[in-house]
Amino acid sequence: MADDANYDVALLIEQPLSALDAQQVRSLHEDVEGTVRYHVLLPVEDAAMRVETAMGSLAGGEILASPAMVMAQADREGLQEELLEACRHDLQKSVAELVRAGAQAGGETVTADPIEALAGKVKQVDAREAIILTRPHVVSEFFHLDWTSRARRKLGVPVLHLLEHETFDEQAEGFGEEGVTGL
């Protein structure tokens, strides 16, 4: 549990933070008294899903081959290990960007459901808020199946949704009600 002098923020990201992302996130908490700590969560891409998506693209609807039949188990495990290593690298880069922006930050890779991991982190550190940074996902957002909508239903803290690699102004101009959104 966090103490009263700390303001913990759980930060779920979809891709590595840019310097702009880190600066914007940090700017949200410049006036917070006490120590602000960011707990970054970055989901590991699923190798099976990547293969399935690639096969779907290649097949073009004509041939529906099962990825499990196309790719050997050893190859899938090798791809999953590559994806995990890339995720660890991206997480380190993201944490470093937050530190360069003047923040205290740490992070971990996530192999479970991202929203379950976020809920667990919020509870573990007694986070005061959660921030989710993603690319725009118009369809899933429309049907409220995106990470932010799911997190708002599950968490008991404010949830802020930001679009990665865009300034606050760009987000406000380009997406009307999307982009920077609160609880």
Protein backbone atom coordinates (compact mmCIF):
# COMPACT_ATOMS: atom_id res chain seq x y z
CA MET A 1 0.00 0.00 0.00
CA ALA A 2 1.18 3.52 -0.76
CA ASP A 3 1.56 6.10 1.98
CA ASP A 4 -0.08 9.54 1.99
CA ALA A 5 3.09 11.35 0.79
CA ASN A 6 3.08 9.34 -2.44
CA TYR A 7 0.83 9.65 -5.45
CA ASP A 8 0.99 6.41 -7.40
CA VAL A 9 -0.20 6.24 -11.00
CA ALA A 10 -0.72 2.97 -12.88
CA LEU A 11 0.16 3.51 -16.54
CA LEU A 12 -0.93 0.94 -19.15
CA ILE A 13 0.73 1.51 -22.53
CA GLU A 14 0.25 -0.19 -25.87
CA GLN A 15 3.59 0.74 -27.42
CA PRO A 16 6.82 2.38 -26.20
CA LEU A 17 6.47 5.91 -24.87
CA SER A 18 8.01 8.68 -26.91
CA ALA A 19 9.67 11.67 -25.24
CA LEU A 20 6.48 13.63 -26.00
CA ASP A 21 4.29 10.97 -24.34
CA ALA A 22 6.47 10.99 -21.21
CA GLN A 23 6.50 14.78 -20.99
CA GLN A 24 2.74 14.99 -21.37
CA VAL A 25 2.09 12.31 -18.76
CA ARG A 26 4.49 14.01 -16.37
CA SER A 27 2.87 17.41 -17.00
CA LEU A 28 -0.44 16.05 -15.69
CA HIS A 29 1.04 15.73 -12.21
CA GLU A 30 3.37 18.75 -11.90
CA ASP A 31 1.22 20.31 -9.16
CA VAL A 32 0.70 17.14 -7.13
CA GLU A 33 2.16 17.39 -3.65
CA GLY A 34 4.33 14.50 -2.59
CA THR A 35 6.18 12.00 -4.71
CA VAL A 36 4.51 10.90 -7.94
CA ARG A 37 5.47 7.38 -8.99
CA TYR A 38 4.50 5.81 -12.30
CA HIS A 39 4.03 2.06 -12.56
CA VAL A 40 4.25 1.24 -16.27
CA LEU A 41 2.62 -1.90 -17.66
CA LEU A 42 3.37 -3.02 -21.22
CA PRO A 43 1.60 -6.14 -22.54
CA VAL A 44 3.67 -8.68 -24.42
CA GLU A 45 2.33 -9.28 -27.90
CA ASP A 46 0.94 -12.78 -28.31
CA ALA A 47 2.91 -14.86 -30.83
CA ALA A 48 -0.08 -17.03 -31.71
CA MET A 49 -2.20 -13.96 -32.42
CA ARG A 50 0.56 -12.46 -34.58
CA VAL A 51 0.82 -15.67 -36.63
CA GLU A 52 -2.97 -15.94 -36.92
CA THR A 53 -3.23 -12.34 -38.12
CA ALA A 54 -0.45 -12.85 -40.65
CA MET A 55 -2.06 -16.02 -41.94
CA GLY A 56 -5.41 -14.29 -42.24
CA SER A 57 -3.78 -11.52 -44.25
CA LEU A 58 -1.97 -13.95 -46.51
CA ALA A 59 -4.96 -16.19 -47.05
CA GLY A 60 -7.20 -13.34 -48.09
CA GLY A 61 -10.20 -15.42 -47.17
CA GLU A 62 -9.44 -18.13 -49.74
CA ILE A 63 -7.49 -20.52 -47.57
CA LEU A 64 -8.09 -20.73 -43.86
CA ALA A 65 -5.10 -22.59 -42.52
CA SER A 66 -4.69 -22.99 -38.81
CA PRO A 67 -1.55 -21.18 -37.57
CA ALA A 68 -0.91 -24.14 -35.27
CA MET A 69 -0.60 -26.40 -38.30
CA VAL A 70 1.57 -23.95 -40.24
CA MET A 71 4.12 -23.10 -37.56
CA ALA A 72 5.99 -25.67 -35.48
CA GLN A 73 5.78 -25.43 -31.67
CA ALA A 74 9.50 -24.61 -31.43
CA ASP A 75 9.06 -21.78 -33.93
CA ARG A 76 6.12 -20.35 -31.95
CA GLU A 77 8.12 -20.54 -28.73
CA GLY A 78 11.05 -18.82 -30.43
CA LEU A 79 8.77 -16.07 -31.74
CA GLN A 80 7.21 -15.65 -28.28
CA GLU A 81 10.67 -15.29 -26.72
CA GLU A 82 11.61 -12.65 -29.34
CA LEU A 83 8.40 -10.77 -28.60
CA LEU A 84 9.06 -10.92 -24.85
CA GLU A 85 12.59 -9.59 -25.32
CA ALA A 86 11.34 -6.77 -27.57
CA CYS A 87 8.69 -5.92 -24.96
CA ARG A 88 11.30 -5.77 -22.20
CA HIS A 89 13.40 -3.43 -24.34
CA ASP A 90 10.38 -1.21 -25.09
CA LEU A 91 9.48 -1.13 -21.39
CA GLN A 92 13.00 -0.05 -20.44
CA LYS A 93 12.85 2.68 -23.09
CA SER A 94 9.48 3.89 -21.78
CA VAL A 95 10.63 4.00 -18.16
CA ALA A 96 13.79 5.85 -19.25
CA GLU A 97 11.68 8.44 -21.11
CA LEU A 98 9.61 9.06 -17.97
CA VAL A 99 12.77 9.41 -15.87
CA ARG A 100 14.20 11.88 -18.43
CA ALA A 101 10.96 13.86 -18.05
CA GLY A 102 11.63 14.10 -14.30
CA ALA A 103 9.44 11.27 -13.08
CA GLN A 104 10.00 8.36 -10.74
CA ALA A 105 9.06 5.26 -12.70
CA GLY A 106 9.31 1.52 -12.80
CA GLY A 107 7.59 -1.05 -14.92
CA GLU A 108 6.83 -4.60 -15.82
CA THR A 109 5.79 -6.61 -18.82
CA VAL A 110 2.34 -8.14 -18.81
CA THR A 111 1.46 -11.56 -20.23
CA ALA A 112 -2.05 -11.75 -18.73
CA ASP A 113 -5.11 -9.74 -19.73
CA PRO A 114 -3.96 -6.08 -19.68
CA ILE A 115 -7.00 -4.84 -17.74
CA GLU A 116 -6.64 -7.57 -15.12
CA ALA A 117 -2.96 -6.62 -14.77
CA LEU A 118 -3.89 -2.94 -14.48
CA ALA A 119 -6.50 -3.69 -11.82
CA GLY A 120 -3.94 -5.75 -9.92
CA LYS A 121 -1.35 -2.97 -10.09
CA VAL A 122 -3.87 -0.33 -8.97
CA LYS A 123 -4.70 -2.47 -5.94
CA GLN A 124 -1.09 -3.45 -5.22
CA VAL A 125 0.27 0.12 -5.11
CA ASP A 126 -2.99 1.78 -3.99
CA ALA A 127 -2.84 3.92 -7.15
CA ARG A 128 -4.77 7.16 -7.11
CA GLU A 129 -5.44 6.99 -10.84
CA ALA A 130 -4.83 4.97 -13.98
CA ILE A 131 -3.73 6.27 -17.36
CA ILE A 132 -4.08 4.27 -20.55
CA LEU A 133 -2.10 5.27 -23.64
CA THR A 134 -3.10 3.63 -26.90
CA ARG A 135 -3.32 4.16 -30.61
CA PRO A 136 -6.81 5.10 -31.75
CA HIS A 137 -9.10 2.05 -31.92
CA VAL A 138 -12.27 3.46 -33.41
CA VAL A 139 -14.31 0.25 -33.66
CA SER A 140 -13.51 -1.15 -30.22
CA GLU A 141 -13.99 2.31 -28.68
CA PHE A 142 -17.36 2.67 -30.40
CA PHE A 143 -18.54 -0.61 -28.88
CA HIS A 144 -16.85 0.16 -25.54
CA LEU A 145 -14.66 -2.94 -25.78
CA ASP A 146 -11.37 -1.00 -25.65
CA TRP A 147 -9.01 -1.03 -22.68
CA THR A 148 -10.25 2.29 -21.34
CA SER A 149 -13.92 1.33 -21.32
CA ARG A 150 -13.12 -2.01 -19.71
CA ALA A 151 -10.89 -0.34 -17.09
CA ARG A 152 -13.56 2.23 -16.22
CA ARG A 153 -16.00 -0.60 -15.53
CA LYS A 154 -13.49 -2.49 -13.38
CA LEU A 155 -11.42 0.07 -11.45
CA GLY A 156 -12.46 2.30 -8.60
CA VAL A 157 -10.10 5.13 -9.57
CA PRO A 158 -10.20 7.80 -12.27
CA VAL A 159 -9.09 6.48 -15.68
CA LEU A 160 -7.58 8.83 -18.24
CA HIS A 161 -7.23 7.76 -21.89
CA LEU A 162 -4.55 9.43 -24.01
CA LEU A 163 -3.47 8.76 -27.58
CA GLU A 164 0.18 7.86 -27.95
CA HIS A 165 2.53 10.05 -29.95
CA GLU A 166 0.08 12.97 -30.20
CA THR A 167 0.05 16.26 -28.32
CA PHE A 168 -2.94 17.12 -26.18
CA ASP A 169 -3.96 19.69 -28.81
CA GLU A 170 -3.78 17.14 -31.65
CA GLN A 171 -5.88 14.73 -29.63
CA ALA A 172 -8.53 17.37 -28.90
CA GLU A 173 -8.71 18.49 -32.55
CA GLY A 174 -8.70 15.13 -34.26
CA PHE A 175 -11.09 13.05 -32.28
CA GLY A 176 -13.78 15.27 -30.77
CA GLU A 177 -14.88 13.11 -27.88
CA GLU A 178 -11.99 10.67 -28.29
CA GLY A 179 -8.39 11.30 -27.27
CA VAL A 180 -8.04 12.86 -23.85
CA THR A 181 -10.90 11.41 -21.88
CA GLY A 182 -11.58 11.21 -18.17
CA LEU A 183 -13.73 9.16 -15.84
